[in-house]
Amino acid sequence: MSYLAGQIAAVLALDEARPAIEFRDELHSWGDVRLLAYGLARRLGDLGLGAGAPVGCLLRNRPPHFAAILGVIVGERCVVTLNPVMPDERLAEDIRALRP
């Protein structure tokens, strides 16, 4: 496991009841984040995406997006950031060019 993936895995293994994120007056625990992160990492593996595979992530300021980025990294895949505020046509061009 890479250093970064190991560090994230160590944080995700901390007390699952502890708050990790507050969003819109709602607390999300490290257990919530871990469940989503590892669920995505498993699903990407099930799809045949191995270590280093580029995975596109729309950058939104939401707890599931945070967990998704951690899941990509802990699975030792490459986060390819995509800007959700771009017009659809430009976003599609980026996706084609970046090939996540």
PDB file of N, CA and C in Angstrom:
ATOM      1  N   MET A   1       0.850  -1.177   0.000  1.00  0.00           N
ATOM      2  CA  MET A   1       0.000   0.000   0.000  1.00  0.00           C
ATOM      3  C   MET A   1       0.893   1.236   0.000  1.00  0.00           C
ATOM      4  N   SER A   2       0.537   2.216  -0.826  1.00  0.00           N
ATOM      5  CA  SER A   2       1.324   3.449  -0.873  1.00  0.00           C
ATOM      6  C   SER A   2       1.230   4.198   0.454  1.00  0.00           C
ATOM      7  N   TYR A   3       2.163   5.102   0.651  1.00  0.00           N
ATOM      8  CA  TYR A   3       2.183   5.875   1.894  1.00  0.00           C
ATOM      9  C   TYR A   3       0.872   6.647   2.082  1.00  0.00           C
ATOM     10  N   LEU A   4       0.429   7.356   1.042  1.00  0.00           N
ATOM     11  CA  LEU A   4      -0.782   8.158   1.155  1.00  0.00           C
ATOM     12  C   LEU A   4      -2.005   7.280   1.422  1.00  0.00           C
ATOM     13  N   ALA A   5      -2.134   6.186   0.685  1.00  0.00           N
ATOM     14  CA  ALA A   5      -3.258   5.272   0.904  1.00  0.00           C
ATOM     15  C   ALA A   5      -3.228   4.716   2.317  1.00  0.00           C
ATOM     16  N   GLY A   6      -2.052   4.399   2.814  1.00  0.00           N
ATOM     17  CA  GLY A   6      -1.920   3.891   4.178  1.00  0.00           C
ATOM     18  C   GLY A   6      -2.304   4.922   5.220  1.00  0.00           C
ATOM     19  N   GLN A   7      -1.919   6.160   5.000  1.00  0.00           N
ATOM     20  CA  GLN A   7      -2.272   7.227   5.944  1.00  0.00           C
ATOM     21  C   GLN A   7      -3.784   7.455   5.974  1.00  0.00           C
ATOM     22  N   ILE A   8      -4.409   7.442   4.812  1.00  0.00           N
ATOM     23  CA  ILE A   8      -5.865   7.607   4.762  1.00  0.00           C
ATOM     24  C   ILE A   8      -6.561   6.416   5.405  1.00  0.00           C
ATOM     25  N   ALA A   9      -6.078   5.215   5.146  1.00  0.00           N
ATOM     26  CA  ALA A   9      -6.657   4.025   5.764  1.00  0.00           C
ATOM     27  C   ALA A   9      -6.540   4.103   7.286  1.00  0.00           C
ATOM     28  N   ALA A  10      -5.429   4.624   7.787  1.00  0.00           N
ATOM     29  CA  ALA A  10      -5.248   4.759   9.235  1.00  0.00           C
ATOM     30  C   ALA A  10      -6.258   5.744   9.817  1.00  0.00           C
ATOM     31  N   VAL A  11      -6.491   6.834   9.135  1.00  0.00           N
ATOM     32  CA  VAL A  11      -7.481   7.813   9.609  1.00  0.00           C
ATOM     33  C   VAL A  11      -8.880   7.196   9.568  1.00  0.00           C
ATOM     34  N   LEU A  12      -9.187   6.476   8.493  1.00  0.00           N
ATOM     35  CA  LEU A  12     -10.508   5.858   8.380  1.00  0.00           C
ATOM     36  C   LEU A  12     -10.725   4.764   9.425  1.00  0.00           C
ATOM     37  N   ALA A  13      -9.654   4.248  10.001  1.00  0.00           N
ATOM     38  CA  ALA A  13      -9.763   3.199  11.013  1.00  0.00           C
ATOM     39  C   ALA A  13      -9.948   3.771  12.422  1.00  0.00           C
ATOM     40  N   LEU A  14      -9.878   5.087  12.553  1.00  0.00           N
ATOM     41  CA  LEU A  14     -10.073   5.701  13.865  1.00  0.00           C
ATOM     42  C   LEU A  14     -11.504   5.493  14.342  1.00  0.00           C
ATOM     43  N   ASP A  15     -11.780   5.935  15.522  1.00  0.00           N
ATOM     44  CA  ASP A  15     -13.093   5.793  16.144  1.00  0.00           C
ATOM     45  C   ASP A  15     -14.210   6.165  15.172  1.00  0.00           C
ATOM     46  N   GLU A  16     -14.981   5.173  14.766  1.00  0.00           N
ATOM     47  CA  GLU A  16     -16.003   5.400  13.749  1.00  0.00           C
ATOM     48  C   GLU A  16     -17.136   6.305  14.211  1.00  0.00           C
ATOM     49  N   ALA A  17     -17.299   6.465  15.507  1.00  0.00           N
ATOM     50  CA  ALA A  17     -18.379   7.310  16.014  1.00  0.00           C
ATOM     51  C   ALA A  17     -17.999   8.791  16.040  1.00  0.00           C
ATOM     52  N   ARG A  18     -16.712   9.084  15.931  1.00  0.00           N
ATOM     53  CA  ARG A  18     -16.273  10.482  16.000  1.00  0.00           C
ATOM     54  C   ARG A  18     -16.733  11.256  14.773  1.00  0.00           C
ATOM     55  N   PRO A  19     -17.122  12.504  14.982  1.00  0.00           N
ATOM     56  CA  PRO A  19     -17.547  13.314  13.837  1.00  0.00           C
ATOM     57  C   PRO A  19     -16.382  13.610  12.900  1.00  0.00           C
ATOM     58  N   ALA A  20     -16.657  13.543  11.608  1.00  0.00           N
ATOM     59  CA  ALA A  20     -15.649  13.830  10.597  1.00  0.00           C
ATOM     60  C   ALA A  20     -15.995  15.102   9.839  1.00  0.00           C
ATOM     61  N   ILE A  21     -17.260  15.258   9.513  1.00  0.00           N
ATOM     62  CA  ILE A  21     -17.709  16.370   8.673  1.00  0.00           C
ATOM     63  C   ILE A  21     -19.028  16.899   9.219  1.00  0.00           C
ATOM     64  N   GLU A  22     -19.139  18.215   9.255  1.00  0.00           N
ATOM     65  CA  GLU A  22     -20.433  18.831   9.523  1.00  0.00           C
ATOM     66  C   GLU A  22     -20.868  19.515   8.231  1.00  0.00           C
ATOM     67  N   PHE A  23     -22.046  19.160   7.773  1.00  0.00           N
ATOM     68  CA  PHE A  23     -22.558  19.728   6.525  1.00  0.00           C
ATOM     69  C   PHE A  23     -24.032  20.030   6.714  1.00  0.00           C
ATOM     70  N   ARG A  24     -24.387  21.291   6.513  1.00  0.00           N
ATOM     71  CA  ARG A  24     -25.775  21.736   6.675  1.00  0.00           C
ATOM     72  C   ARG A  24     -26.345  21.313   8.028  1.00  0.00           C
ATOM     73  N   ASP A  25     -25.589  21.582   9.054  1.00  0.00           N
ATOM     74  CA  ASP A  25     -25.979  21.294  10.440  1.00  0.00           C
ATOM     75  C   ASP A  25     -26.156  19.809  10.737  1.00  0.00           C
ATOM     76  N   GLU A  26     -25.598  18.959   9.906  1.00  0.00           N
ATOM     77  CA  GLU A  26     -25.667  17.516  10.139  1.00  0.00           C
ATOM     78  C   GLU A  26     -24.243  16.975  10.246  1.00  0.00           C
ATOM     79  N   LEU A  27     -24.016  16.190  11.298  1.00  0.00           N
ATOM     80  CA  LEU A  27     -22.701  15.579  11.494  1.00  0.00           C
ATOM     81  C   LEU A  27     -22.641  14.228  10.795  1.00  0.00           C
ATOM     82  N   HIS A  28     -21.508  13.998  10.140  1.00  0.00           N
ATOM     83  CA  HIS A  28     -21.240  12.708   9.495  1.00  0.00           C
ATOM     84  C   HIS A  28     -20.008  12.130  10.175  1.00  0.00           C
ATOM     85  N   SER A  29     -20.115  10.915  10.649  1.00  0.00           N
ATOM     86  CA  SER A  29     -19.026  10.290  11.406  1.00  0.00           C
ATOM     87  C   SER A  29     -17.958   9.715  10.480  1.00  0.00           C
ATOM     88  N   TRP A  30     -16.815   9.379  11.089  1.00  0.00           N
ATOM     89  CA  TRP A  30     -15.768   8.701  10.326  1.00  0.00           C
ATOM     90  C   TRP A  30     -16.259   7.329   9.860  1.00  0.00           C
ATOM     91  N   GLY A  31     -17.176   6.733  10.626  1.00  0.00           N
ATOM     92  CA  GLY A  31     -17.761   5.465  10.185  1.00  0.00           C
ATOM     93  C   GLY A  31     -18.563   5.631   8.909  1.00  0.00           C
ATOM     94  N   ASP A  32     -19.319   6.748   8.806  1.00  0.00           N
ATOM     95  CA  ASP A  32     -20.069   7.040   7.581  1.00  0.00           C
ATOM     96  C   ASP A  32     -19.121   7.219   6.398  1.00  0.00           C
ATOM     97  N   VAL A  33     -18.071   7.994   6.627  1.00  0.00           N
ATOM     98  CA  VAL A  33     -17.088   8.253   5.569  1.00  0.00           C
ATOM     99  C   VAL A  33     -16.415   6.951   5.151  1.00  0.00           C
ATOM    100  N   ARG A  34     -16.011   6.148   6.145  1.00  0.00           N
ATOM    101  CA  ARG A  34     -15.341   4.879   5.848  1.00  0.00           C
ATOM    102  C   ARG A  34     -16.240   3.943   5.035  1.00  0.00           C
ATOM    103  N   LEU A  35     -17.505   3.852   5.409  1.00  0.00           N
ATOM    104  CA  LEU A  35     -18.436   2.981   4.701  1.00  0.00           C
ATOM    105  C   LEU A  35     -18.524   3.359   3.219  1.00  0.00           C
ATOM    106  N   LEU A  36     -18.668   4.643   2.943  1.00  0.00           N
ATOM    107  CA  LEU A  36     -18.736   5.090   1.549  1.00  0.00           C
ATOM    108  C   LEU A  36     -17.404   4.910   0.831  1.00  0.00           C
ATOM    109  N   ALA A  37     -16.310   5.280   1.480  1.00  0.00           N
ATOM    110  CA  ALA A  37     -14.987   5.202   0.838  1.00  0.00           C
ATOM    111  C   ALA A  37     -14.636   3.765   0.469  1.00  0.00           C
ATOM    112  N   TYR A  38     -14.768   2.853   1.416  1.00  0.00           N
ATOM    113  CA  TYR A  38     -14.413   1.470   1.119  1.00  0.00           C
ATOM    114  C   TYR A  38     -15.431   0.799   0.203  1.00  0.00           C
ATOM    115  N   GLY A  39     -16.690   1.216   0.281  1.00  0.00           N
ATOM    116  CA  GLY A  39     -17.695   0.691  -0.643  1.00  0.00           C
ATOM    117  C   GLY A  39     -17.346   1.045  -2.081  1.00  0.00           C
ATOM    118  N   LEU A  40     -16.929   2.290  -2.299  1.00  0.00           N
ATOM    119  CA  LEU A  40     -16.525   2.699  -3.643  1.00  0.00           C
ATOM    120  C   LEU A  40     -15.261   1.972  -4.077  1.00  0.00           C
ATOM    121  N   ALA A  41     -14.285   1.871  -3.183  1.00  0.00           N
ATOM    122  CA  ALA A  41     -13.039   1.176  -3.526  1.00  0.00           C
ATOM    123  C   ALA A  41     -13.325  -0.268  -3.957  1.00  0.00           C
ATOM    124  N   ARG A  42     -14.215  -0.940  -3.228  1.00  0.00           N
ATOM    125  CA  ARG A  42     -14.591  -2.320  -3.591  1.00  0.00           C
ATOM    126  C   ARG A  42     -15.278  -2.364  -4.954  1.00  0.00           C
ATOM    127  N   ARG A  43     -16.197  -1.438  -5.168  1.00  0.00           N
ATOM    128  CA  ARG A  43     -16.947  -1.417  -6.435  1.00  0.00           C
ATOM    129  C   ARG A  43     -16.024  -1.162  -7.621  1.00  0.00           C
ATOM    130  N   LEU A  44     -15.075  -0.257  -7.444  1.00  0.00           N
ATOM    131  CA  LEU A  44     -14.120  -0.001  -8.529  1.00  0.00           C
ATOM    132  C   LEU A  44     -13.293  -1.250  -8.825  1.00  0.00           C
ATOM    133  N   GLY A  45     -12.912  -1.985  -7.773  1.00  0.00           N
ATOM    134  CA  GLY A  45     -12.198  -3.247  -7.971  1.00  0.00           C
ATOM    135  C   GLY A  45     -13.061  -4.264  -8.696  1.00  0.00           C
ATOM    136  N   ASP A  46     -14.348  -4.330  -8.315  1.00  0.00           N
ATOM    137  CA  ASP A  46     -15.274  -5.251  -8.984  1.00  0.00           C
ATOM    138  C   ASP A  46     -15.406  -4.931 -10.470  1.00  0.00           C
ATOM    139  N   LEU A  47     -15.237  -3.661 -10.814  1.00  0.00           N
ATOM    140  CA  LEU A  47     -15.323  -3.240 -12.215  1.00  0.00           C
ATOM    141  C   LEU A  47     -14.018  -3.468 -12.970  1.00  0.00           C
ATOM    142  N   GLY A  48     -13.003  -3.986 -12.274  1.00  0.00           N
ATOM    143  CA  GLY A  48     -11.733  -4.285 -12.917  1.00  0.00           C
ATOM    144  C   GLY A  48     -10.754  -3.130 -12.946  1.00  0.00           C
ATOM    145  N   LEU A  49     -11.023  -2.082 -12.188  1.00  0.00           N
ATOM    146  CA  LEU A  49     -10.109  -0.936 -12.148  1.00  0.00           C
ATOM    147  C   LEU A  49      -9.054  -1.181 -11.076  1.00  0.00           C
ATOM    148  N   GLY A  50      -7.852  -1.475 -11.506  1.00  0.00           N
ATOM    149  CA  GLY A  50      -6.767  -1.788 -10.591  1.00  0.00           C
ATOM    150  C   GLY A  50      -6.011  -0.554 -10.136  1.00  0.00           C
ATOM    151  N   ALA A  51      -4.917  -0.802  -9.450  1.00  0.00           N
ATOM    152  CA  ALA A  51      -4.068   0.282  -8.938  1.00  0.00           C
ATOM    153  C   ALA A  51      -3.633   1.189 -10.078  1.00  0.00           C
ATOM    154  N   GLY A  52      -3.701   2.479  -9.839  1.00  0.00           N
ATOM    155  CA  GLY A  52      -3.280   3.462 -10.816  1.00  0.00           C
ATOM    156  C   GLY A  52      -4.332   3.841 -11.837  1.00  0.00           C
ATOM    157  N   ALA A  53      -5.461   3.140 -11.850  1.00  0.00           N
ATOM    158  CA  ALA A  53      -6.511   3.452 -12.826  1.00  0.00           C
ATOM    159  C   ALA A  53      -7.062   4.854 -12.566  1.00  0.00           C
ATOM    160  N   PRO A  54      -7.237   5.648 -13.614  1.00  0.00           N
ATOM    161  CA  PRO A  54      -7.787   6.993 -13.442  1.00  0.00           C
ATOM    162  C   PRO A  54      -9.302   6.941 -13.211  1.00  0.00           C
ATOM    163  N   VAL A  55      -9.754   7.606 -12.161  1.00  0.00           N
ATOM    164  CA  VAL A  55     -11.177   7.628 -11.810  1.00  0.00           C
ATOM    165  C   VAL A  55     -11.625   9.086 -11.742  1.00  0.00           C
ATOM    166  N   GLY A  56     -12.607   9.443 -12.558  1.00  0.00           N
ATOM    167  CA  GLY A  56     -13.106  10.811 -12.584  1.00  0.00           C
ATOM    168  C   GLY A  56     -13.967  11.114 -11.372  1.00  0.00           C
ATOM    169  N   CYS A  57     -13.711  12.254 -10.757  1.00  0.00           N
ATOM    170  CA  CYS A  57     -14.481  12.700  -9.588  1.00  0.00           C
ATOM    171  C   CYS A  57     -14.904  14.150  -9.797  1.00  0.00           C
ATOM    172  N   LEU A  58     -16.209  14.379  -9.799  1.00  0.00           N
ATOM    173  CA  LEU A  58     -16.710  15.746  -9.832  1.00  0.00           C
ATOM    174  C   LEU A  58     -16.454  16.370  -8.462  1.00  0.00           C
ATOM    175  N   LEU A  59     -15.865  17.530  -8.447  1.00  0.00           N
ATOM    176  CA  LEU A  59     -15.545  18.183  -7.182  1.00  0.00           C
ATOM    177  C   LEU A  59     -16.747  18.980  -6.700  1.00  0.00           C
ATOM    178  N   ARG A  60     -17.417  18.455  -5.714  1.00  0.00           N
ATOM    179  CA  ARG A  60     -18.542  19.144  -5.085  1.00  0.00           C
ATOM    180  C   ARG A  60     -18.277  19.172  -3.584  1.00  0.00           C
ATOM    181  N   ASN A  61     -18.782  20.172  -2.960  1.00  0.00           N
ATOM    182  CA  ASN A  61     -18.569  20.346  -1.529  1.00  0.00           C
ATOM    183  C   ASN A  61     -19.663  19.602  -0.757  1.00  0.00           C
ATOM    184  N   ARG A  62     -19.600  18.276  -0.824  1.00  0.00           N
ATOM    185  CA  ARG A  62     -20.594  17.423  -0.171  1.00  0.00           C
ATOM    186  C   ARG A  62     -19.870  16.243   0.486  1.00  0.00           C
ATOM    187  N   PRO A  63     -20.387  15.736   1.589  1.00  0.00           N
ATOM    188  CA  PRO A  63     -19.736  14.609   2.266  1.00  0.00           C
ATOM    189  C   PRO A  63     -19.506  13.379   1.380  1.00  0.00           C
ATOM    190  N   PRO A  64     -20.468  12.953   0.543  1.00  0.00           N
ATOM    191  CA  PRO A  64     -20.202  11.776  -0.290  1.00  0.00           C
ATOM    192  C   PRO A  64     -19.042  11.974  -1.269  1.00  0.00           C
ATOM    193  N   HIS A  65     -18.860  13.194  -1.741  1.00  0.00           N
ATOM    194  CA  HIS A  65     -17.761  13.455  -2.666  1.00  0.00           C
ATOM    195  C   HIS A  65     -16.419  13.366  -1.945  1.00  0.00           C
ATOM    196  N   PHE A  66     -16.375  13.855  -0.719  1.00  0.00           N
ATOM    197  CA  PHE A  66     -15.175  13.731   0.109  1.00  0.00           C
ATOM    198  C   PHE A  66     -14.836  12.253   0.300  1.00  0.00           C
ATOM    199  N   ALA A  67     -15.837  11.459   0.665  1.00  0.00           N
ATOM    200  CA  ALA A  67     -15.625  10.029   0.874  1.00  0.00           C
ATOM    201  C   ALA A  67     -15.204   9.339  -0.425  1.00  0.00           C
ATOM    202  N   ALA A  68     -15.769   9.762  -1.553  1.00  0.00           N
ATOM    203  CA  ALA A  68     -15.418   9.155  -2.839  1.00  0.00           C
ATOM    204  C   ALA A  68     -13.953   9.384  -3.173  1.00  0.00           C
ATOM    205  N   ILE A  69     -13.475  10.599  -2.964  1.00  0.00           N
ATOM    206  CA  ILE A  69     -12.065  10.884  -3.253  1.00  0.00           C
ATOM    207  C   ILE A  69     -11.170  10.046  -2.352  1.00  0.00           C
ATOM    208  N   LEU A  70     -11.527   9.928  -1.071  1.00  0.00           N
ATOM    209  CA  LEU A  70     -10.730   9.076  -0.173  1.00  0.00           C
ATOM    210  C   LEU A  70     -10.773   7.628  -0.634  1.00  0.00           C
ATOM    211  N   GLY A  71     -11.935   7.163  -1.098  1.00  0.00           N
ATOM    212  CA  GLY A  71     -12.057   5.783  -1.579  1.00  0.00           C
ATOM    213  C   GLY A  71     -11.193   5.516  -2.798  1.00  0.00           C
ATOM    214  N   VAL A  72     -11.110   6.480  -3.694  1.00  0.00           N
ATOM    215  CA  VAL A  72     -10.255   6.324  -4.879  1.00  0.00           C
ATOM    216  C   VAL A  72      -8.796   6.224  -4.436  1.00  0.00           C
ATOM    217  N   ILE A  73      -8.401   7.104  -3.523  1.00  0.00           N
ATOM    218  CA  ILE A  73      -7.002   7.112  -3.078  1.00  0.00           C
ATOM    219  C   ILE A  73      -6.660   5.874  -2.262  1.00  0.00           C
ATOM    220  N   VAL A  74      -7.522   5.483  -1.342  1.00  0.00           N
ATOM    221  CA  VAL A  74      -7.209   4.316  -0.508  1.00  0.00           C
ATOM    222  C   VAL A  74      -7.169   3.039  -1.357  1.00  0.00           C
ATOM    223  N   GLY A  75      -7.873   3.051  -2.487  1.00  0.00           N
ATOM    224  CA  GLY A  75      -7.807   1.927  -3.421  1.00  0.00           C
ATOM    225  C   GLY A  75      -6.618   2.019  -4.361  1.00  0.00           C
ATOM    226  N   GLU A  76      -5.764   3.012  -4.137  1.00  0.00           N
ATOM    227  CA  GLU A  76      -4.548   3.247  -4.912  1.00  0.00           C
ATOM    228  C   GLU A  76      -4.815   3.508  -6.390  1.00  0.00           C
ATOM    229  N   ARG A  77      -5.950   4.172  -6.626  1.00  0.00           N
ATOM    230  CA  ARG A  77      -6.269   4.613  -7.985  1.00  0.00           C
ATOM    231  C   ARG A  77      -5.973   6.104  -8.076  1.00  0.00           C
ATOM    232  N   CYS A  78      -6.051   6.643  -9.252  1.00  0.00           N
ATOM    233  CA  CYS A  78      -5.704   8.041  -9.499  1.00  0.00           C
ATOM    234  C   CYS A  78      -6.964   8.896  -9.596  1.00  0.00           C
ATOM    235  N   VAL A  79      -7.053   9.928  -8.762  1.00  0.00           N
ATOM    236  CA  VAL A  79      -8.183  10.854  -8.804  1.00  0.00           C
ATOM    237  C   VAL A  79      -7.996  11.810  -9.986  1.00  0.00           C
ATOM    238  N   VAL A  80      -8.973  11.820 -10.868  1.00  0.00           N
ATOM    239  CA  VAL A  80      -9.000  12.767 -11.986  1.00  0.00           C
ATOM    240  C   VAL A  80     -10.118  13.749 -11.658  1.00  0.00           C
ATOM    241  N   THR A  81      -9.743  14.980 -11.317  1.00  0.00           N
ATOM    242  CA  THR A  81     -10.744  15.946 -10.881  1.00  0.00           C
ATOM    243  C   THR A  81     -11.453  16.572 -12.073  1.00  0.00           C
ATOM    244  N   LEU A  82     -12.760  16.694 -11.924  1.00  0.00           N
ATOM    245  CA  LEU A  82     -13.610  17.283 -12.950  1.00  0.00           C
ATOM    246  C   LEU A  82     -14.406  18.418 -12.314  1.00  0.00           C
ATOM    247  N   ASN A  83     -14.521  19.519 -13.017  1.00  0.00           N
ATOM    248  CA  ASN A  83     -15.188  20.700 -12.493  1.00  0.00           C
ATOM    249  C   ASN A  83     -16.674  20.670 -12.856  1.00  0.00           C
ATOM    250  N   PRO A  84     -17.560  20.536 -11.876  1.00  0.00           N
ATOM    251  CA  PRO A  84     -18.989  20.419 -12.172  1.00  0.00           C
ATOM    252  C   PRO A  84     -19.650  21.725 -12.604  1.00  0.00           C
ATOM    253  N   VAL A  85     -18.978  22.849 -12.467  1.00  0.00           N
ATOM    254  CA  VAL A  85     -19.600  24.113 -12.867  1.00  0.00           C
ATOM    255  C   VAL A  85     -19.338  24.442 -14.335  1.00  0.00           C
ATOM    256  N   MET A  86     -18.554  23.629 -14.985  1.00  0.00           N
ATOM    257  CA  MET A  86     -18.300  23.840 -16.412  1.00  0.00           C
ATOM    258  C   MET A  86     -19.562  23.500 -17.198  1.00  0.00           C
ATOM    259  N   PRO A  87     -19.758  24.143 -18.339  1.00  0.00           N
ATOM    260  CA  PRO A  87     -20.885  23.761 -19.197  1.00  0.00           C
ATOM    261  C   PRO A  87     -20.764  22.284 -19.602  1.00  0.00           C
ATOM    262  N   ASP A  88     -21.902  21.649 -19.810  1.00  0.00           N
ATOM    263  CA  ASP A  88     -21.919  20.212 -20.119  1.00  0.00           C
ATOM    264  C   ASP A  88     -20.995  19.844 -21.274  1.00  0.00           C
ATOM    265  N   GLU A  89     -21.007  20.644 -22.325  1.00  0.00           N
ATOM    266  CA  GLU A  89     -20.187  20.339 -23.500  1.00  0.00           C
ATOM    267  C   GLU A  89     -18.697  20.360 -23.147  1.00  0.00           C
ATOM    268  N   ARG A  90     -18.291  21.332 -22.372  1.00  0.00           N
ATOM    269  CA  ARG A  90     -16.877  21.433 -21.968  1.00  0.00           C
ATOM    270  C   ARG A  90     -16.499  20.294 -21.018  1.00  0.00           C
ATOM    271  N   LEU A  91     -17.406  19.960 -20.112  1.00  0.00           N
ATOM    272  CA  LEU A  91     -17.157  18.839 -19.203  1.00  0.00           C
ATOM    273  C   LEU A  91     -17.005  17.543 -19.995  1.00  0.00           C
ATOM    274  N   ALA A  92     -17.857  17.347 -20.986  1.00  0.00           N
ATOM    275  CA  ALA A  92     -17.760  16.156 -21.840  1.00  0.00           C
ATOM    276  C   ALA A  92     -16.428  16.123 -22.581  1.00  0.00           C
ATOM    277  N   GLU A  93     -15.971  17.279 -23.045  1.00  0.00           N
ATOM    278  CA  GLU A  93     -14.670  17.350 -23.714  1.00  0.00           C
ATOM    279  C   GLU A  93     -13.548  16.946 -22.759  1.00  0.00           C
ATOM    280  N   ASP A  94     -13.612  17.442 -21.535  1.00  0.00           N
ATOM    281  CA  ASP A  94     -12.597  17.079 -20.534  1.00  0.00           C
ATOM    282  C   ASP A  94     -12.604  15.578 -20.263  1.00  0.00           C
ATOM    283  N   ILE A  95     -13.797  15.015 -20.143  1.00  0.00           N
ATOM    284  CA  ILE A  95     -13.884  13.575 -19.879  1.00  0.00           C
ATOM    285  C   ILE A  95     -13.278  12.782 -21.025  1.00  0.00           C
ATOM    286  N   ARG A  96     -13.591  13.180 -22.248  1.00  0.00           N
ATOM    287  CA  ARG A  96     -13.010  12.484 -23.405  1.00  0.00           C
ATOM    288  C   ARG A  96     -11.484  12.633 -23.422  1.00  0.00           C
ATOM    289  N   ALA A  97     -10.991  13.826 -23.129  1.00  0.00           N
ATOM    290  CA  ALA A  97      -9.560  14.081 -23.171  1.00  0.00           C
ATOM    291  C   ALA A  97      -8.815  13.373 -22.036  1.00  0.00           C
ATOM    292  N   LEU A  98      -9.391  13.381 -20.846  1.00  0.00           N
ATOM    293  CA  LEU A  98      -8.721  12.805 -19.677  1.00  0.00           C
ATOM    294  C   LEU A  98      -8.875  11.291 -19.585  1.00  0.00           C
ATOM    295  N   ARG A  99      -9.917  10.764 -20.191  1.00  0.00           N
ATOM    296  CA  ARG A  99     -10.184   9.330 -20.246  1.00  0.00           C
ATOM    297  C   ARG A  99     -10.204   8.641 -18.875  1.00  0.00           C
ATOM    298  N   PRO A 100     -10.981   9.215 -17.930  1.00  0.00           N
ATOM    299  CA  PRO A 100     -11.051   8.547 -16.619  1.00  0.00           C
ATOM    300  C   PRO A 100     -11.864   7.270 -16.703  1.00  0.00           C
TER     301      PRO A 100
END
